[in-house]
Amino acid sequence: MTDVAEKVSYLEDVMQRLASSQLQANISLDRLSFEMREFKDEMREYKDWSKKQIVTMNRQWGDLANKLGTVVEDIVAPNLPRIAREYFGCEDVDYLAIRVKKRSVTDRSKRREFDAIAVCNTTFVLNETKSSPEFRDVEKLAAFLESEELFDYFPEYRDYRVYPIYSSLYLDEAFVSALTRKGIYALAMKDDTMEILNYLDLK
């Protein structure tokens, strides 16, 4: 009987230790779970902060570029061949030019400067860049396109499909919506490169 009692006592001791170990394990898991939730919250806050910093940086970059007058040359033009290829199927750009000054073939007294153009196959990409976007710019560009006055300056491309782009480092949702309503592509910084923000809406 003594042996049995000792075995029972031993088993009870083992069970208590197991229960204590399980309790400690549960506490550790709860603590780990809590710490993981805290870590995820901190990461989410960091990502939100990073996105805001990128937006702020893009705006500041735009302000600086505006003062220097180099948005087209330094930012838009280097991205235009890639934009033409990825969005409009231009594998090889035949002609790329920035700040093109042209005289109208129908009225020799009229001259106009175009910020940037890219041409390939039967595609004509017309880019207008503004460092400080204004809604009246959208109306002016839309009216210019609708009048087909573009071909008074580029008659050789009359049979080409025109893809109009309005670009800036930062375009808010309201501005993008205004461009979409006029059938104009919105090009702006997204993360660390320029992308068309309303491509699917105009596709």
Protein backbone atom coordinates (compact mmCIF):
# COMPACT_ATOMS: atom_id res chain seq x y z
CA MET A 1 0.00 0.00 0.00
CA THR A 2 2.88 2.29 0.80
CA ASP A 3 4.27 1.77 -2.71
CA VAL A 4 0.91 2.62 -4.23
CA ALA A 5 0.57 5.75 -2.12
CA GLU A 6 4.06 6.85 -3.14
CA LYS A 7 3.26 6.27 -6.82
CA VAL A 8 0.01 8.24 -6.53
CA SER A 9 1.84 11.04 -4.77
CA TYR A 10 4.50 10.99 -7.46
CA LEU A 11 1.90 11.12 -10.22
CA GLU A 12 0.11 13.99 -8.52
CA ASP A 13 3.40 15.85 -8.29
CA VAL A 14 4.10 15.19 -11.97
CA MET A 15 0.59 16.38 -12.92
CA GLN A 16 1.00 19.55 -10.88
CA ARG A 17 4.30 20.27 -12.55
CA LEU A 18 2.75 19.63 -15.97
CA ALA A 19 -0.18 21.87 -15.14
CA SER A 20 2.23 24.56 -13.94
CA SER A 21 4.31 24.20 -17.10
CA GLN A 22 1.18 24.41 -19.25
CA LEU A 23 0.09 27.52 -17.39
CA GLN A 24 3.48 29.12 -17.93
CA ALA A 25 3.34 28.12 -21.61
CA ASN A 26 -0.11 29.69 -21.97
CA ILE A 27 1.10 32.86 -20.30
CA SER A 28 4.10 32.96 -22.62
CA LEU A 29 1.88 32.42 -25.66
CA ASP A 30 -0.50 35.14 -24.52
CA ARG A 31 2.44 37.49 -24.01
CA LEU A 32 3.85 36.57 -27.42
CA SER A 33 0.47 37.08 -29.05
CA PHE A 34 0.15 40.49 -27.41
CA GLU A 35 3.63 41.49 -28.48
CA MET A 36 2.92 40.36 -32.05
CA ARG A 37 -0.25 42.46 -32.16
CA GLU A 38 1.73 45.43 -30.86
CA PHE A 39 4.39 44.82 -33.51
CA LYS A 40 1.79 44.63 -36.30
CA ASP A 41 0.19 47.86 -35.08
CA GLU A 42 3.59 49.55 -35.02
CA MET A 43 4.37 48.30 -38.54
CA ARG A 44 1.00 49.54 -39.80
CA GLU A 45 1.66 52.94 -38.25
CA TYR A 46 5.14 52.99 -39.80
CA LYS A 47 3.76 52.14 -43.26
CA ASP A 48 1.15 54.89 -42.96
CA TRP A 49 3.86 57.31 -41.85
CA SER A 50 6.10 56.25 -44.73
CA LYS A 51 3.33 56.82 -47.29
CA LYS A 52 2.68 60.28 -45.88
CA GLN A 53 6.40 61.02 -46.01
CA ILE A 54 6.54 59.96 -49.66
CA VAL A 55 3.59 62.20 -50.53
CA THR A 56 5.19 65.09 -48.65
CA MET A 57 8.52 64.47 -50.35
CA ASN A 58 6.88 64.40 -53.79
CA ARG A 59 5.18 67.71 -53.11
CA GLN A 60 8.41 69.28 -51.91
CA TRP A 61 10.24 67.83 -54.89
CA GLY A 62 7.59 69.34 -57.15
CA ASP A 63 7.95 72.74 -55.52
CA LEU A 64 11.70 72.64 -55.94
CA ALA A 65 11.49 71.44 -59.53
CA ASN A 66 8.94 74.15 -60.23
CA LYS A 67 11.39 76.79 -59.01
CA LEU A 68 14.12 75.29 -61.16
CA GLY A 69 11.81 74.70 -64.13
CA THR A 70 13.13 71.17 -64.69
CA VAL A 71 10.15 68.87 -64.02
CA VAL A 72 9.85 67.82 -67.67
CA GLU A 73 13.55 67.26 -68.27
CA ASP A 74 14.45 65.62 -64.96
CA ILE A 75 11.37 63.63 -64.06
CA VAL A 76 8.76 63.20 -66.81
CA ALA A 77 10.93 62.71 -69.90
CA PRO A 78 13.01 59.82 -68.47
CA ASN A 79 9.79 58.01 -67.59
CA LEU A 80 7.92 58.64 -70.85
CA PRO A 81 9.43 55.78 -72.95
CA ARG A 82 8.58 53.29 -70.17
CA ILE A 83 5.06 54.71 -69.81
CA ALA A 84 4.55 54.48 -73.59
CA ARG A 85 5.78 50.88 -73.58
CA GLU A 86 3.92 49.59 -70.50
CA TYR A 87 0.60 51.34 -71.10
CA PHE A 88 0.35 52.00 -74.83
CA GLY A 89 2.28 49.13 -76.41
CA CYS A 90 5.27 51.13 -77.71
CA GLU A 91 8.08 48.60 -77.69
CA ASP A 92 10.46 51.05 -79.36
CA VAL A 93 9.89 54.78 -79.29
CA ASP A 94 10.71 56.21 -82.71
CA TYR A 95 10.70 59.83 -81.63
CA LEU A 96 10.97 61.43 -78.19
CA ALA A 97 11.21 65.16 -77.68
CA ILE A 98 10.81 67.65 -74.85
CA ARG A 99 9.86 71.32 -75.00
CA VAL A 100 9.02 71.08 -78.69
CA LYS A 101 8.33 74.47 -80.28
CA LYS A 102 6.14 74.21 -83.36
CA ARG A 103 4.56 76.64 -85.79
CA SER A 104 1.03 76.02 -87.01
CA VAL A 105 0.87 74.93 -90.66
CA THR A 106 -2.52 76.61 -91.07
CA ASP A 107 -1.58 79.90 -89.42
CA ARG A 108 2.11 80.74 -89.54
CA SER A 109 1.67 83.46 -86.91
CA LYS A 110 0.76 80.88 -84.27
CA ARG A 111 3.46 79.06 -82.33
CA ARG A 112 3.08 76.61 -79.47
CA GLU A 113 5.39 74.73 -77.13
CA PHE A 114 4.67 71.11 -76.22
CA ASP A 115 6.18 69.80 -73.00
CA ALA A 116 6.96 66.28 -74.24
CA ILE A 117 5.89 63.90 -76.99
CA ALA A 118 6.66 60.29 -77.81
CA VAL A 119 5.85 58.57 -81.10
CA CYS A 120 5.93 54.93 -82.15
CA ASN A 121 4.16 52.91 -84.85
CA THR A 122 0.75 54.63 -85.05
CA THR A 123 0.78 55.96 -81.48
CA PHE A 124 1.26 59.60 -80.52
CA VAL A 125 1.75 60.32 -76.81
CA LEU A 126 1.19 63.96 -75.92
CA ASN A 127 2.33 65.01 -72.46
CA GLU A 128 1.56 68.23 -70.65
CA THR A 129 3.39 68.77 -67.36
CA LYS A 130 2.52 71.14 -64.55
CA SER A 131 4.30 71.49 -61.24
CA SER A 132 1.27 73.22 -59.72
CA PRO A 133 -1.83 71.59 -61.23
CA GLU A 134 -4.93 73.72 -61.74
CA PHE A 135 -8.36 72.57 -62.93
CA ARG A 136 -8.39 75.19 -65.68
CA ASP A 137 -5.39 73.36 -67.20
CA VAL A 138 -7.62 70.33 -67.68
CA GLU A 139 -10.29 72.36 -69.45
CA LYS A 140 -7.73 74.03 -71.72
CA LEU A 141 -6.08 70.73 -72.67
CA ALA A 142 -9.43 69.04 -73.29
CA ALA A 143 -10.60 71.91 -75.51
CA PHE A 144 -7.32 71.82 -77.45
CA LEU A 145 -7.67 68.10 -78.08
CA GLU A 146 -11.33 68.34 -79.04
CA SER A 147 -10.60 71.09 -81.57
CA GLU A 148 -8.01 68.84 -83.28
CA GLU A 149 -5.74 71.89 -83.42
CA LEU A 150 -2.96 69.47 -82.45
CA PHE A 151 -2.72 68.39 -86.09
CA ASP A 152 -2.16 71.97 -87.22
CA TYR A 153 1.22 71.54 -85.53
CA PHE A 154 1.74 67.84 -86.27
CA PRO A 155 -0.08 67.16 -89.55
CA GLU A 156 2.13 64.13 -90.20
CA TYR A 157 0.50 62.36 -87.24
CA ARG A 158 -3.13 63.02 -88.12
CA ASP A 159 -3.85 59.30 -88.61
CA TYR A 160 -2.13 58.29 -85.35
CA ARG A 161 -3.96 57.42 -82.18
CA VAL A 162 -3.40 60.18 -79.62
CA TYR A 163 -2.89 59.41 -75.94
CA PRO A 164 -3.03 62.67 -73.96
CA ILE A 165 -1.26 62.71 -70.60
CA TYR A 166 -1.34 65.35 -67.89
CA SER A 167 1.56 64.89 -65.50
CA SER A 168 2.68 66.25 -62.17
CA LEU A 169 4.53 64.84 -59.21
CA TYR A 170 1.34 64.75 -57.16
CA LEU A 171 -2.32 64.64 -58.28
CA ASP A 172 -5.12 64.22 -55.77
CA GLU A 173 -8.22 62.10 -56.35
CA ALA A 174 -10.42 65.04 -57.35
CA PHE A 175 -7.92 66.13 -59.99
CA VAL A 176 -7.54 62.58 -61.34
CA SER A 177 -11.34 62.30 -61.59
CA ALA A 178 -11.49 65.57 -63.55
CA LEU A 179 -8.88 64.25 -65.99
CA THR A 180 -10.71 60.94 -66.35
CA ARG A 181 -13.96 62.72 -67.24
CA LYS A 182 -12.11 64.47 -70.07
CA GLY A 183 -10.44 61.29 -71.31
CA ILE A 184 -6.96 62.43 -70.27
CA TYR A 185 -4.45 60.15 -68.56
CA ALA A 186 -3.16 61.22 -65.14
CA LEU A 187 0.57 60.63 -64.60
CA ALA A 188 2.06 61.18 -61.15
CA MET A 189 4.51 59.74 -58.64
CA LYS A 190 3.42 56.49 -57.03
CA ASP A 191 5.82 55.09 -54.45
CA ASP A 192 9.21 55.65 -56.09
CA THR A 193 8.29 56.00 -59.79
CA MET A 194 5.75 57.65 -62.06
CA GLU A 195 2.61 55.75 -62.99
CA ILE A 196 -0.69 56.43 -64.74
CA LEU A 197 -3.30 56.65 -61.99
CA ASN A 198 -6.48 56.28 -64.07
CA TYR A 199 -5.40 53.81 -66.76
CA LEU A 200 -8.06 51.22 -65.96
CA ASP A 201 -10.77 53.89 -65.96
CA LEU A 202 -9.81 54.95 -69.49
CA LYS A 203 -8.85 51.56 -70.89
